[in-house]
Amino acid sequence: MAFVVKSSATVIHALFEIETIYEVLLIKFQYLTSSQQSQSPKQASNFKIM
């Protein structure tokens, strides 16, 4: 039983890491596309958080 809990916790942790990486890439992509058109302060501040 403990093994099942541990393995499911590992899977959840991995999913969170993947989601975080995806969000980082998404924000960077948005920043790059917006900086080509016009620099918006909201996206610039999002990028600084990274």
C-alpha atoms as a PDB file:
ATOM      1  CA  MET A   1       0.000   0.000   0.000  1.00  0.00           C
ATOM      2  CA  ALA A   2       2.782   2.417   0.906  1.00  0.00           C
ATOM      3  CA  PHE A   3       4.464   1.692  -2.432  1.00  0.00           C
ATOM      4  CA  VAL A   4       1.287   2.641  -4.326  1.00  0.00           C
ATOM      5  CA  VAL A   5       1.023   5.931  -2.422  1.00  0.00           C
ATOM      6  CA  LYS A   6       4.693   6.705  -3.027  1.00  0.00           C
ATOM      7  CA  SER A   7       4.555   5.910  -6.747  1.00  0.00           C
ATOM      8  CA  SER A   8       1.381   7.951  -7.265  1.00  0.00           C
ATOM      9  CA  ALA A   9       2.987  10.860  -5.408  1.00  0.00           C
ATOM     10  CA  THR A  10       5.986  10.595  -7.739  1.00  0.00           C
ATOM     11  CA  VAL A  11       3.708  10.651 -10.791  1.00  0.00           C
ATOM     12  CA  ILE A  12       1.854  13.723  -9.459  1.00  0.00           C
ATOM     13  CA  HIS A  13       5.175  15.448  -8.746  1.00  0.00           C
ATOM     14  CA  ALA A  14       6.382  14.693 -12.284  1.00  0.00           C
ATOM     15  CA  LEU A  15       3.154  16.085 -13.744  1.00  0.00           C
ATOM     16  CA  PHE A  16       3.589  19.297 -11.744  1.00  0.00           C
ATOM     17  CA  GLU A  17       7.154  19.673 -13.029  1.00  0.00           C
ATOM     18  CA  ILE A  18       6.031  19.107 -16.628  1.00  0.00           C
ATOM     19  CA  GLU A  19       3.240  21.647 -16.170  1.00  0.00           C
ATOM     20  CA  THR A  20       5.682  24.198 -14.724  1.00  0.00           C
ATOM     21  CA  ILE A  21       8.099  23.716 -17.632  1.00  0.00           C
ATOM     22  CA  TYR A  22       5.197  24.049 -20.072  1.00  0.00           C
ATOM     23  CA  GLU A  23       4.065  27.302 -18.428  1.00  0.00           C
ATOM     24  CA  VAL A  24       7.604  28.698 -18.556  1.00  0.00           C
ATOM     25  CA  LEU A  25       7.865  27.890 -22.260  1.00  0.00           C
ATOM     26  CA  LEU A  26       4.413  29.311 -22.925  1.00  0.00           C
ATOM     27  CA  ILE A  27       5.213  32.608 -21.162  1.00  0.00           C
ATOM     28  CA  LYS A  28       8.563  32.882 -22.963  1.00  0.00           C
ATOM     29  CA  PHE A  29       6.819  32.202 -26.286  1.00  0.00           C
ATOM     30  CA  GLN A  30       4.192  34.853 -25.528  1.00  0.00           C
ATOM     31  CA  TYR A  31       6.952  37.280 -24.534  1.00  0.00           C
ATOM     32  CA  LEU A  32       8.856  36.675 -27.778  1.00  0.00           C
ATOM     33  CA  THR A  33       5.787  37.026 -29.984  1.00  0.00           C
ATOM     34  CA  SER A  34       4.605  40.153 -28.163  1.00  0.00           C
ATOM     35  CA  SER A  35       8.052  41.781 -28.211  1.00  0.00           C
ATOM     36  CA  GLN A  36       8.144  41.390 -32.002  1.00  0.00           C
ATOM     37  CA  GLN A  37       4.846  43.273 -32.344  1.00  0.00           C
ATOM     38  CA  SER A  38       4.749  45.661 -29.379  1.00  0.00           C
ATOM     39  CA  GLN A  39       6.248  45.492 -25.901  1.00  0.00           C
ATOM     40  CA  SER A  40       3.434  45.252 -23.371  1.00  0.00           C
ATOM     41  CA  PRO A  41       4.301  45.879 -19.681  1.00  0.00           C
ATOM     42  CA  LYS A  42       2.161  42.928 -18.489  1.00  0.00           C
ATOM     43  CA  GLN A  43       4.150  40.392 -20.510  1.00  0.00           C
ATOM     44  CA  ALA A  44       7.441  42.008 -19.562  1.00  0.00           C
ATOM     45  CA  SER A  45       6.595  41.670 -15.869  1.00  0.00           C
ATOM     46  CA  ASN A  46       5.578  38.039 -16.448  1.00  0.00           C
ATOM     47  CA  PHE A  47       8.989  37.398 -17.958  1.00  0.00           C
ATOM     48  CA  LYS A  48      10.807  38.968 -14.989  1.00  0.00           C
ATOM     49  CA  ILE A  49       9.091  36.515 -12.618  1.00  0.00           C
ATOM     50  CA  MET A  50      10.802  33.696 -14.505  1.00  0.00           C
END
